[in-house]
Amino acid sequence: YLQMDNLKAEDTAVYYCAARYYYSSTDWNDYDYW
């Protein structure tokens, strides 16, 4: 889940969830499923 509060106009975008095996990452290239 992603709870989004105090939204701003700059938050406008397409939001994607992703899964990355075992280790967390901030790099989209590391994720296996989208």
PDB file of all heavy atoms in Angstrom:
ATOM      1  N   TYR A   1       0.826  -1.194   0.000  1.00  0.00           N
ATOM      2  CA  TYR A   1       0.000   0.000   0.000  1.00  0.00           C
ATOM      3  C   TYR A   1       0.865   1.251   0.000  1.00  0.00           C
ATOM      4  O   TYR A   1       2.007   1.251   0.455  1.00  0.00           O
ATOM      5  CB  TYR A   1      -0.900   0.038   1.236  1.00  0.00           C
ATOM      6  CG  TYR A   1      -1.700  -1.219   1.453  1.00  0.00           C
ATOM      7  CD1 TYR A   1      -1.220  -2.242   2.268  1.00  0.00           C
ATOM      8  CD2 TYR A   1      -2.939  -1.389   0.841  1.00  0.00           C
ATOM      9  CE1 TYR A   1      -1.950  -3.394   2.470  1.00  0.00           C
ATOM     10  CE2 TYR A   1      -3.675  -2.543   1.038  1.00  0.00           C
ATOM     11  CZ  TYR A   1      -3.179  -3.538   1.855  1.00  0.00           C
ATOM     12  OH  TYR A   1      -3.910  -4.685   2.053  1.00  0.00           O
ATOM     13  N   LEU A   2       0.284   2.313  -0.494  1.00  0.00           N
ATOM     14  CA  LEU A   2       0.910   3.623  -0.398  1.00  0.00           C
ATOM     15  C   LEU A   2      -0.155   4.626   0.018  1.00  0.00           C
ATOM     16  O   LEU A   2      -1.053   4.941  -0.764  1.00  0.00           O
ATOM     17  CB  LEU A   2       1.549   4.044  -1.722  1.00  0.00           C
ATOM     18  CG  LEU A   2       2.343   5.350  -1.677  1.00  0.00           C
ATOM     19  CD1 LEU A   2       3.606   5.176  -0.835  1.00  0.00           C
ATOM     20  CD2 LEU A   2       2.702   5.817  -3.083  1.00  0.00           C
ATOM     21  N   GLN A   3      -0.047   5.095   1.239  1.00  0.00           N
ATOM     22  CA  GLN A   3      -0.936   6.125   1.735  1.00  0.00           C
ATOM     23  C   GLN A   3      -0.309   7.479   1.434  1.00  0.00           C
ATOM     24  O   GLN A   3       0.808   7.755   1.870  1.00  0.00           O
ATOM     25  CB  GLN A   3      -1.161   5.970   3.237  1.00  0.00           C
ATOM     26  CG  GLN A   3      -1.998   7.066   3.872  1.00  0.00           C
ATOM     27  CD  GLN A   3      -3.417   7.089   3.363  1.00  0.00           C
ATOM     28  OE1 GLN A   3      -4.030   6.037   3.196  1.00  0.00           O
ATOM     29  NE2 GLN A   3      -3.951   8.265   3.111  1.00  0.00           N
ATOM     30  N   MET A   4      -1.021   8.303   0.707  1.00  0.00           N
ATOM     31  CA  MET A   4      -0.516   9.598   0.285  1.00  0.00           C
ATOM     32  C   MET A   4      -1.367  10.695   0.918  1.00  0.00           C
ATOM     33  O   MET A   4      -2.563  10.799   0.647  1.00  0.00           O
ATOM     34  CB  MET A   4      -0.536   9.722  -1.238  1.00  0.00           C
ATOM     35  CG  MET A   4       0.227   8.615  -1.945  1.00  0.00           C
ATOM     36  SD  MET A   4       0.332   8.864  -3.738  1.00  0.00           S
ATOM     37  CE  MET A   4      -1.395   8.701  -4.180  1.00  0.00           C
ATOM     38  N   ASP A   5      -0.739  11.495   1.742  1.00  0.00           N
ATOM     39  CA  ASP A   5      -1.407  12.598   2.415  1.00  0.00           C
ATOM     40  C   ASP A   5      -0.772  13.919   2.011  1.00  0.00           C
ATOM     41  O   ASP A   5       0.363  13.959   1.535  1.00  0.00           O
ATOM     42  CB  ASP A   5      -1.323  12.437   3.935  1.00  0.00           C
ATOM     43  CG  ASP A   5      -2.022  11.202   4.443  1.00  0.00           C
ATOM     44  OD1 ASP A   5      -3.145  10.911   3.978  1.00  0.00           O
ATOM     45  OD2 ASP A   5      -1.447  10.514   5.320  1.00  0.00           O
ATOM     46  N   ASN A   6      -1.508  14.989   2.243  1.00  0.00           N
ATOM     47  CA  ASN A   6      -1.022  16.327   1.915  1.00  0.00           C
ATOM     48  C   ASN A   6      -0.479  16.387   0.489  1.00  0.00           C
ATOM     49  O   ASN A   6       0.641  16.839   0.237  1.00  0.00           O
ATOM     50  CB  ASN A   6       0.050  16.754   2.919  1.00  0.00           C
ATOM     51  CG  ASN A   6       0.372  18.234   2.837  1.00  0.00           C
ATOM     52  OD1 ASN A   6      -0.435  19.033   2.376  1.00  0.00           O
ATOM     53  ND2 ASN A   6       1.568  18.607   3.290  1.00  0.00           N
ATOM     54  N   LEU A   7      -1.290  15.949  -0.432  1.00  0.00           N
ATOM     55  CA  LEU A   7      -0.868  15.879  -1.821  1.00  0.00           C
ATOM     56  C   LEU A   7      -0.606  17.255  -2.411  1.00  0.00           C
ATOM     57  O   LEU A   7      -1.261  18.239  -2.059  1.00  0.00           O
ATOM     58  CB  LEU A   7      -1.924  15.156  -2.649  1.00  0.00           C
ATOM     59  CG  LEU A   7      -1.968  13.641  -2.448  1.00  0.00           C
ATOM     60  CD1 LEU A   7      -3.289  13.072  -2.953  1.00  0.00           C
ATOM     61  CD2 LEU A   7      -0.794  12.980  -3.167  1.00  0.00           C
ATOM     62  N   LYS A   8       0.354  17.285  -3.322  1.00  0.00           N
ATOM     63  CA  LYS A   8       0.728  18.491  -4.029  1.00  0.00           C
ATOM     64  C   LYS A   8       0.564  18.274  -5.524  1.00  0.00           C
ATOM     65  O   LYS A   8       0.570  17.137  -6.001  1.00  0.00           O
ATOM     66  CB  LYS A   8       2.186  18.863  -3.731  1.00  0.00           C
ATOM     67  CG  LYS A   8       2.511  19.029  -2.263  1.00  0.00           C
ATOM     68  CD  LYS A   8       3.995  19.305  -2.067  1.00  0.00           C
ATOM     69  CE  LYS A   8       4.346  19.464  -0.605  1.00  0.00           C
ATOM     70  NZ  LYS A   8       5.796  19.715  -0.415  1.00  0.00           N
ATOM     71  N   ALA A   9       0.448  19.356  -6.252  1.00  0.00           N
ATOM     72  CA  ALA A   9       0.327  19.255  -7.699  1.00  0.00           C
ATOM     73  C   ALA A   9       1.520  18.523  -8.302  1.00  0.00           C
ATOM     74  O   ALA A   9       1.378  17.805  -9.304  1.00  0.00           O
ATOM     75  CB  ALA A   9       0.190  20.640  -8.319  1.00  0.00           C
ATOM     76  N   GLU A  10       2.688  18.671  -7.698  1.00  0.00           N
ATOM     77  CA  GLU A  10       3.891  18.017  -8.182  1.00  0.00           C
ATOM     78  C   GLU A  10       3.847  16.499  -8.043  1.00  0.00           C
ATOM     79  O   GLU A  10       4.693  15.803  -8.605  1.00  0.00           O
ATOM     80  CB  GLU A  10       5.125  18.544  -7.434  1.00  0.00           C
ATOM     81  CG  GLU A  10       5.294  20.051  -7.506  1.00  0.00           C
ATOM     82  CD  GLU A  10       4.596  20.751  -6.353  1.00  0.00           C
ATOM     83  OE1 GLU A  10       5.236  20.943  -5.301  1.00  0.00           O
ATOM     84  OE2 GLU A  10       3.409  21.112  -6.511  1.00  0.00           O
ATOM     85  N   ASP A  11       2.884  15.985  -7.292  1.00  0.00           N
ATOM     86  CA  ASP A  11       2.733  14.544  -7.143  1.00  0.00           C
ATOM     87  C   ASP A  11       2.003  13.908  -8.319  1.00  0.00           C
ATOM     88  O   ASP A  11       1.899  12.681  -8.382  1.00  0.00           O
ATOM     89  CB  ASP A  11       1.979  14.216  -5.852  1.00  0.00           C
ATOM     90  CG  ASP A  11       2.737  14.644  -4.609  1.00  0.00           C
ATOM     91  OD1 ASP A  11       3.971  14.468  -4.571  1.00  0.00           O
ATOM     92  OD2 ASP A  11       2.085  15.143  -3.670  1.00  0.00           O
ATOM     93  N   THR A  12       1.493  14.715  -9.212  1.00  0.00           N
ATOM     94  CA  THR A  12       0.783  14.199 -10.374  1.00  0.00           C
ATOM     95  C   THR A  12       1.717  13.345 -11.228  1.00  0.00           C
ATOM     96  O   THR A  12       2.761  13.808 -11.674  1.00  0.00           O
ATOM     97  CB  THR A  12       0.208  15.346 -11.209  1.00  0.00           C
ATOM     98  OG1 THR A  12      -0.771  16.052 -10.442  1.00  0.00           O
ATOM     99  CG2 THR A  12      -0.454  14.821 -12.474  1.00  0.00           C
ATOM    100  N   ALA A  13       1.327  12.099 -11.447  1.00  0.00           N
ATOM    101  CA  ALA A  13       2.158  11.157 -12.192  1.00  0.00           C
ATOM    102  C   ALA A  13       1.424   9.832 -12.289  1.00  0.00           C
ATOM    103  O   ALA A  13       0.393   9.623 -11.651  1.00  0.00           O
ATOM    104  CB  ALA A  13       3.506  10.954 -11.497  1.00  0.00           C
ATOM    105  N   VAL A  14       1.984   8.943 -13.088  1.00  0.00           N
ATOM    106  CA  VAL A  14       1.569   7.554 -13.062  1.00  0.00           C
ATOM    107  C   VAL A  14       2.391   6.846 -11.996  1.00  0.00           C
ATOM    108  O   VAL A  14       3.620   6.937 -11.988  1.00  0.00           O
ATOM    109  CB  VAL A  14       1.760   6.871 -14.425  1.00  0.00           C
ATOM    110  CG1 VAL A  14       1.382   5.392 -14.342  1.00  0.00           C
ATOM    111  CG2 VAL A  14       0.919   7.562 -15.487  1.00  0.00           C
ATOM    112  N   TYR A  15       1.720   6.156 -11.115  1.00  0.00           N
ATOM    113  CA  TYR A  15       2.380   5.472 -10.013  1.00  0.00           C
ATOM    114  C   TYR A  15       2.444   3.976 -10.287  1.00  0.00           C
ATOM    115  O   TYR A  15       1.438   3.349 -10.628  1.00  0.00           O
ATOM    116  CB  TYR A  15       1.646   5.730  -8.699  1.00  0.00           C
ATOM    117  CG  TYR A  15       1.928   7.098  -8.137  1.00  0.00           C
ATOM    118  CD1 TYR A  15       1.439   8.239  -8.768  1.00  0.00           C
ATOM    119  CD2 TYR A  15       2.698   7.256  -6.985  1.00  0.00           C
ATOM    120  CE1 TYR A  15       1.724   9.500  -8.275  1.00  0.00           C
ATOM    121  CE2 TYR A  15       2.974   8.513  -6.484  1.00  0.00           C
ATOM    122  CZ  TYR A  15       2.483   9.632  -7.130  1.00  0.00           C
ATOM    123  OH  TYR A  15       2.761  10.880  -6.626  1.00  0.00           O
ATOM    124  N   TYR A  16       3.625   3.412 -10.112  1.00  0.00           N
ATOM    125  CA  TYR A  16       3.868   2.006 -10.363  1.00  0.00           C
ATOM    126  C   TYR A  16       4.337   1.307  -9.099  1.00  0.00           C
ATOM    127  O   TYR A  16       5.142   1.851  -8.348  1.00  0.00           O
ATOM    128  CB  TYR A  16       4.963   1.818 -11.420  1.00  0.00           C
ATOM    129  CG  TYR A  16       4.672   2.432 -12.760  1.00  0.00           C
ATOM    130  CD1 TYR A  16       5.059   3.736 -13.048  1.00  0.00           C
ATOM    131  CD2 TYR A  16       4.026   1.698 -13.750  1.00  0.00           C
ATOM    132  CE1 TYR A  16       4.805   4.297 -14.278  1.00  0.00           C
ATOM    133  CE2 TYR A  16       3.776   2.253 -14.985  1.00  0.00           C
ATOM    134  CZ  TYR A  16       4.164   3.550 -15.245  1.00  0.00           C
ATOM    135  OH  TYR A  16       3.917   4.100 -16.474  1.00  0.00           O
ATOM    136  N   CYS A  17       3.862   0.100  -8.890  1.00  0.00           N
ATOM    137  CA  CYS A  17       4.449  -0.726  -7.855  1.00  0.00           C
ATOM    138  C   CYS A  17       5.368  -1.744  -8.506  1.00  0.00           C
ATOM    139  O   CYS A  17       5.222  -2.088  -9.681  1.00  0.00           O
ATOM    140  CB  CYS A  17       3.387  -1.413  -6.984  1.00  0.00           C
ATOM    141  SG  CYS A  17       2.380  -2.658  -7.823  1.00  0.00           S
ATOM    142  N   ALA A  18       6.335  -2.214  -7.742  1.00  0.00           N
ATOM    143  CA  ALA A  18       7.330  -3.128  -8.264  1.00  0.00           C
ATOM    144  C   ALA A  18       7.803  -4.069  -7.172  1.00  0.00           C
ATOM    145  O   ALA A  18       7.718  -3.752  -5.983  1.00  0.00           O
ATOM    146  CB  ALA A  18       8.517  -2.351  -8.839  1.00  0.00           C
ATOM    147  N   ALA A  19       8.313  -5.214  -7.588  1.00  0.00           N
ATOM    148  CA  ALA A  19       8.842  -6.214  -6.670  1.00  0.00           C
ATOM    149  C   ALA A  19      10.280  -6.544  -7.043  1.00  0.00           C
ATOM    150  O   ALA A  19      10.589  -6.735  -8.222  1.00  0.00           O
ATOM    151  CB  ALA A  19       7.983  -7.477  -6.706  1.00  0.00           C
ATOM    152  N   ARG A  20      11.133  -6.616  -6.036  1.00  0.00           N
ATOM    153  CA  ARG A  20      12.548  -6.893  -6.229  1.00  0.00           C
ATOM    154  C   ARG A  20      12.941  -8.031  -5.304  1.00  0.00           C
ATOM    155  O   ARG A  20      12.734  -7.940  -4.094  1.00  0.00           O
ATOM    156  CB  ARG A  20      13.370  -5.640  -5.943  1.00  0.00           C
ATOM    157  CG  ARG A  20      14.845  -5.715  -6.353  1.00  0.00           C
ATOM    158  CD  ARG A  20      15.725  -6.030  -5.178  1.00  0.00           C
ATOM    159  NE  ARG A  20      17.124  -5.718  -5.437  1.00  0.00           N
ATOM    160  CZ  ARG A  20      17.993  -6.546  -6.003  1.00  0.00           C
ATOM    161  NH1 ARG A  20      17.603  -7.761  -6.395  1.00  0.00           N
ATOM    162  NH2 ARG A  20      19.256  -6.172  -6.180  1.00  0.00           N
ATOM    163  N   TYR A  21      13.529  -9.072  -5.893  1.00  0.00           N
ATOM    164  CA  TYR A  21      13.836 -10.246  -5.104  1.00  0.00           C
ATOM    165  C   TYR A  21      14.800  -9.951  -3.965  1.00  0.00           C
ATOM    166  O   TYR A  21      15.872  -9.387  -4.178  1.00  0.00           O
ATOM    167  CB  TYR A  21      14.419 -11.352  -5.984  1.00  0.00           C
ATOM    168  CG  TYR A  21      14.728 -12.618  -5.225  1.00  0.00           C
ATOM    169  CD1 TYR A  21      13.697 -13.392  -4.693  1.00  0.00           C
ATOM    170  CD2 TYR A  21      16.035 -13.030  -5.018  1.00  0.00           C
ATOM    171  CE1 TYR A  21      13.967 -14.546  -3.984  1.00  0.00           C
ATOM    172  CE2 TYR A  21      16.311 -14.190  -4.312  1.00  0.00           C
ATOM    173  CZ  TYR A  21      15.276 -14.940  -3.792  1.00  0.00           C
ATOM    174  OH  TYR A  21      15.548 -16.089  -3.093  1.00  0.00           O
ATOM    175  N   TYR A  22      14.401 -10.301  -2.789  1.00  0.00           N
ATOM    176  CA  TYR A  22      15.152 -10.366  -1.548  1.00  0.00           C
ATOM    177  C   TYR A  22      15.575  -9.007  -0.984  1.00  0.00           C
ATOM    178  O   TYR A  22      15.239  -8.671   0.144  1.00  0.00           O
ATOM    179  CB  TYR A  22      16.381 -11.267  -1.692  1.00  0.00           C
ATOM    180  CG  TYR A  22      16.719 -11.989  -0.410  1.00  0.00           C
ATOM    181  CD1 TYR A  22      16.017 -13.128  -0.037  1.00  0.00           C
ATOM    182  CD2 TYR A  22      17.725 -11.524   0.422  1.00  0.00           C
ATOM    183  CE1 TYR A  22      16.309 -13.788   1.141  1.00  0.00           C
ATOM    184  CE2 TYR A  22      18.024 -12.187   1.609  1.00  0.00           C
ATOM    185  CZ  TYR A  22      17.316 -13.314   1.960  1.00  0.00           C
ATOM    186  OH  TYR A  22      17.599 -13.964   3.132  1.00  0.00           O
ATOM    187  N   TYR A  23      16.313  -8.216  -1.752  1.00  0.00           N
ATOM    188  CA  TYR A  23      16.872  -6.965  -1.239  1.00  0.00           C
ATOM    189  C   TYR A  23      16.114  -5.753  -1.738  1.00  0.00           C
ATOM    190  O   TYR A  23      15.748  -5.662  -2.900  1.00  0.00           O
ATOM    191  CB  TYR A  23      18.344  -6.829  -1.631  1.00  0.00           C
ATOM    192  CG  TYR A  23      19.220  -7.919  -1.093  1.00  0.00           C
ATOM    193  CD1 TYR A  23      19.772  -8.869  -1.943  1.00  0.00           C
ATOM    194  CD2 TYR A  23      19.495  -8.007   0.262  1.00  0.00           C
ATOM    195  CE1 TYR A  23      20.583  -9.875  -1.449  1.00  0.00           C
ATOM    196  CE2 TYR A  23      20.302  -9.019   0.764  1.00  0.00           C
ATOM    197  CZ  TYR A  23      20.840  -9.943  -0.096  1.00  0.00           C
ATOM    198  OH  TYR A  23      21.647 -10.935   0.396  1.00  0.00           O
ATOM    199  N   SER A  24      15.942  -4.809  -0.852  1.00  0.00           N
ATOM    200  CA  SER A  24      15.306  -3.554  -1.214  1.00  0.00           C
ATOM    201  C   SER A  24      16.255  -2.698  -2.046  1.00  0.00           C
ATOM    202  O   SER A  24      17.470  -2.827  -1.962  1.00  0.00           O
ATOM    203  CB  SER A  24      14.878  -2.803   0.051  1.00  0.00           C
ATOM    204  OG  SER A  24      14.214  -1.602  -0.268  1.00  0.00           O
ATOM    205  N   SER A  25      15.692  -1.806  -2.838  1.00  0.00           N
ATOM    206  CA  SER A  25      16.492  -0.941  -3.688  1.00  0.00           C
ATOM    207  C   SER A  25      15.704   0.311  -4.034  1.00  0.00           C
ATOM    208  O   SER A  25      14.473   0.295  -4.069  1.00  0.00           O
ATOM    209  CB  SER A  25      16.896  -1.670  -4.973  1.00  0.00           C
ATOM    210  OG  SER A  25      17.590  -0.812  -5.854  1.00  0.00           O
ATOM    211  N   THR A  26      16.425   1.391  -4.304  1.00  0.00           N
ATOM    212  CA  THR A  26      15.823   2.625  -4.788  1.00  0.00           C
ATOM    213  C   THR A  26      15.996   2.783  -6.293  1.00  0.00           C
ATOM    214  O   THR A  26      15.556   3.780  -6.862  1.00  0.00           O
ATOM    215  CB  THR A  26      16.430   3.850  -4.085  1.00  0.00           C
ATOM    216  OG1 THR A  26      17.836   3.914  -4.348  1.00  0.00           O
ATOM    217  CG2 THR A  26      16.218   3.774  -2.577  1.00  0.00           C
ATOM    218  N   ASP A  27      16.608   1.816  -6.923  1.00  0.00           N
ATOM    219  CA  ASP A  27      16.915   1.860  -8.348  1.00  0.00           C
ATOM    220  C   ASP A  27      15.911   1.010  -9.113  1.00  0.00           C
ATOM    221  O   ASP A  27      15.828  -0.204  -8.893  1.00  0.00           O
ATOM    222  CB  ASP A  27      18.333   1.355  -8.587  1.00  0.00           C
ATOM    223  CG  ASP A  27      18.802   1.525 -10.011  1.00  0.00           C
ATOM    224  OD1 ASP A  27      17.974   1.761 -10.911  1.00  0.00           O
ATOM    225  OD2 ASP A  27      20.024   1.409 -10.251  1.00  0.00           O
ATOM    226  N   TRP A  28      15.178   1.635 -10.019  1.00  0.00           N
ATOM    227  CA  TRP A  28      14.149   0.894 -10.752  1.00  0.00           C
ATOM    228  C   TRP A  28      14.714  -0.252 -11.576  1.00  0.00           C
ATOM    229  O   TRP A  28      14.014  -1.244 -11.831  1.00  0.00           O
ATOM    230  CB  TRP A  28      13.343   1.837 -11.656  1.00  0.00           C
ATOM    231  CG  TRP A  28      14.121   2.449 -12.791  1.00  0.00           C
ATOM    232  CD1 TRP A  28      14.794   3.637 -12.767  1.00  0.00           C
ATOM    233  CD2 TRP A  28      14.277   1.909 -14.099  1.00  0.00           C
ATOM    234  NE1 TRP A  28      15.365   3.865 -13.999  1.00  0.00           N
ATOM    235  CE2 TRP A  28      15.067   2.826 -14.834  1.00  0.00           C
ATOM    236  CE3 TRP A  28      13.829   0.742 -14.729  1.00  0.00           C
ATOM    237  CZ2 TRP A  28      15.419   2.603 -16.169  1.00  0.00           C
ATOM    238  CZ3 TRP A  28      14.182   0.513 -16.061  1.00  0.00           C
ATOM    239  CH2 TRP A  28      14.964   1.443 -16.752  1.00  0.00           C
ATOM    240  N   ASN A  29      15.979  -0.151 -11.972  1.00  0.00           N
ATOM    241  CA  ASN A  29      16.602  -1.213 -12.752  1.00  0.00           C
ATOM    242  C   ASN A  29      16.743  -2.512 -11.972  1.00  0.00           C
ATOM    243  O   ASN A  29      16.913  -3.576 -12.573  1.00  0.00           O
ATOM    244  CB  ASN A  29      17.979  -0.772 -13.242  1.00  0.00           C
ATOM    245  CG  ASN A  29      17.905   0.317 -14.281  1.00  0.00           C
ATOM    246  OD1 ASN A  29      17.552   0.064 -15.429  1.00  0.00           O
ATOM    247  ND2 ASN A  29      18.244   1.540 -13.879  1.00  0.00           N
ATOM    248  N   ASP A  30      16.684  -2.441 -10.664  1.00  0.00           N
ATOM    249  CA  ASP A  30      16.871  -3.620  -9.832  1.00  0.00           C
ATOM    250  C   ASP A  30      15.607  -4.448  -9.662  1.00  0.00           C
ATOM    251  O   ASP A  30      15.673  -5.569  -9.159  1.00  0.00           O
ATOM    252  CB  ASP A  30      17.385  -3.220  -8.451  1.00  0.00           C
ATOM    253  CG  ASP A  30      18.806  -2.701  -8.471  1.00  0.00           C
ATOM    254  OD1 ASP A  30      19.553  -3.021  -9.416  1.00  0.00           O
ATOM    255  OD2 ASP A  30      19.170  -1.972  -7.530  1.00  0.00           O
ATOM    256  N   TYR A  31      14.485  -3.915 -10.053  1.00  0.00           N
ATOM    257  CA  TYR A  31      13.220  -4.587  -9.785  1.00  0.00           C
ATOM    258  C   TYR A  31      12.855  -5.595 -10.866  1.00  0.00           C
ATOM    259  O   TYR A  31      13.126  -5.384 -12.049  1.00  0.00           O
ATOM    260  CB  TYR A  31      12.110  -3.559  -9.579  1.00  0.00           C
ATOM    261  CG  TYR A  31      12.203  -2.921  -8.217  1.00  0.00           C
ATOM    262  CD1 TYR A  31      13.119  -1.917  -7.965  1.00  0.00           C
ATOM    263  CD2 TYR A  31      11.395  -3.359  -7.172  1.00  0.00           C
ATOM    264  CE1 TYR A  31      13.238  -1.357  -6.702  1.00  0.00           C
ATOM    265  CE2 TYR A  31      11.501  -2.801  -5.914  1.00  0.00           C
ATOM    266  CZ  TYR A  31      12.427  -1.796  -5.684  1.00  0.00           C
ATOM    267  OH  TYR A  31      12.536  -1.237  -4.427  1.00  0.00           O
ATOM    268  N   ASP A  32      12.229  -6.668 -10.433  1.00  0.00           N
ATOM    269  CA  ASP A  32      11.953  -7.808 -11.303  1.00  0.00           C
ATOM    270  C   ASP A  32      10.547  -7.805 -11.897  1.00  0.00           C
ATOM    271  O   ASP A  32      10.342  -8.306 -13.004  1.00  0.00           O
ATOM    272  CB  ASP A  32      12.150  -9.105 -10.517  1.00  0.00           C
ATOM    273  CG  ASP A  32      13.529  -9.220  -9.913  1.00  0.00           C
ATOM    274  OD1 ASP A  32      14.511  -9.199 -10.682  1.00  0.00           O
ATOM    275  OD2 ASP A  32      13.629  -9.334  -8.668  1.00  0.00           O
ATOM    276  N   TYR A  33       9.593  -7.269 -11.171  1.00  0.00           N
ATOM    277  CA  TYR A  33       8.210  -7.261 -11.615  1.00  0.00           C
ATOM    278  C   TYR A  33       7.621  -5.874 -11.462  1.00  0.00           C
ATOM    279  O   TYR A  33       7.921  -5.163 -10.502  1.00  0.00           O
ATOM    280  CB  TYR A  33       7.371  -8.266 -10.813  1.00  0.00           C
ATOM    281  CG  TYR A  33       7.823  -9.689 -10.955  1.00  0.00           C
ATOM    282  CD1 TYR A  33       8.650 -10.269 -10.005  1.00  0.00           C
ATOM    283  CD2 TYR A  33       7.422 -10.454 -12.048  1.00  0.00           C
ATOM    284  CE1 TYR A  33       9.075 -11.579 -10.141  1.00  0.00           C
ATOM    285  CE2 TYR A  33       7.847 -11.761 -12.187  1.00  0.00           C
ATOM    286  CZ  TYR A  33       8.669 -12.320 -11.230  1.00  0.00           C
ATOM    287  OH  TYR A  33       9.083 -13.619 -11.375  1.00  0.00           O
ATOM    288  N   TRP A  34       6.754  -5.521 -12.397  1.00  0.00           N
ATOM    289  CA  TRP A  34       6.128  -4.200 -12.429  1.00  0.00           C
ATOM    290  C   TRP A  34       4.646  -4.298 -12.717  1.00  0.00           C
ATOM    291  O   TRP A  34       4.205  -5.151 -13.490  1.00  0.00           O
ATOM    292  CB  TRP A  34       6.780  -3.328 -13.500  1.00  0.00           C
ATOM    293  CG  TRP A  34       8.173  -2.914 -13.171  1.00  0.00           C
ATOM    294  CD1 TRP A  34       9.318  -3.598 -13.432  1.00  0.00           C
ATOM    295  CD2 TRP A  34       8.557  -1.708 -12.513  1.00  0.00           C
ATOM    296  NE1 TRP A  34      10.405  -2.893 -12.980  1.00  0.00           N
ATOM    297  CE2 TRP A  34       9.966  -1.727 -12.414  1.00  0.00           C
ATOM    298  CE3 TRP A  34       7.855  -0.612 -12.010  1.00  0.00           C
ATOM    299  CZ2 TRP A  34      10.678  -0.686 -11.821  1.00  0.00           C
ATOM    300  CZ3 TRP A  34       8.561   0.421 -11.414  1.00  0.00           C
ATOM    301  CH2 TRP A  34       9.961   0.370 -11.331  1.00  0.00           C
TER     302      TRP A  34
END
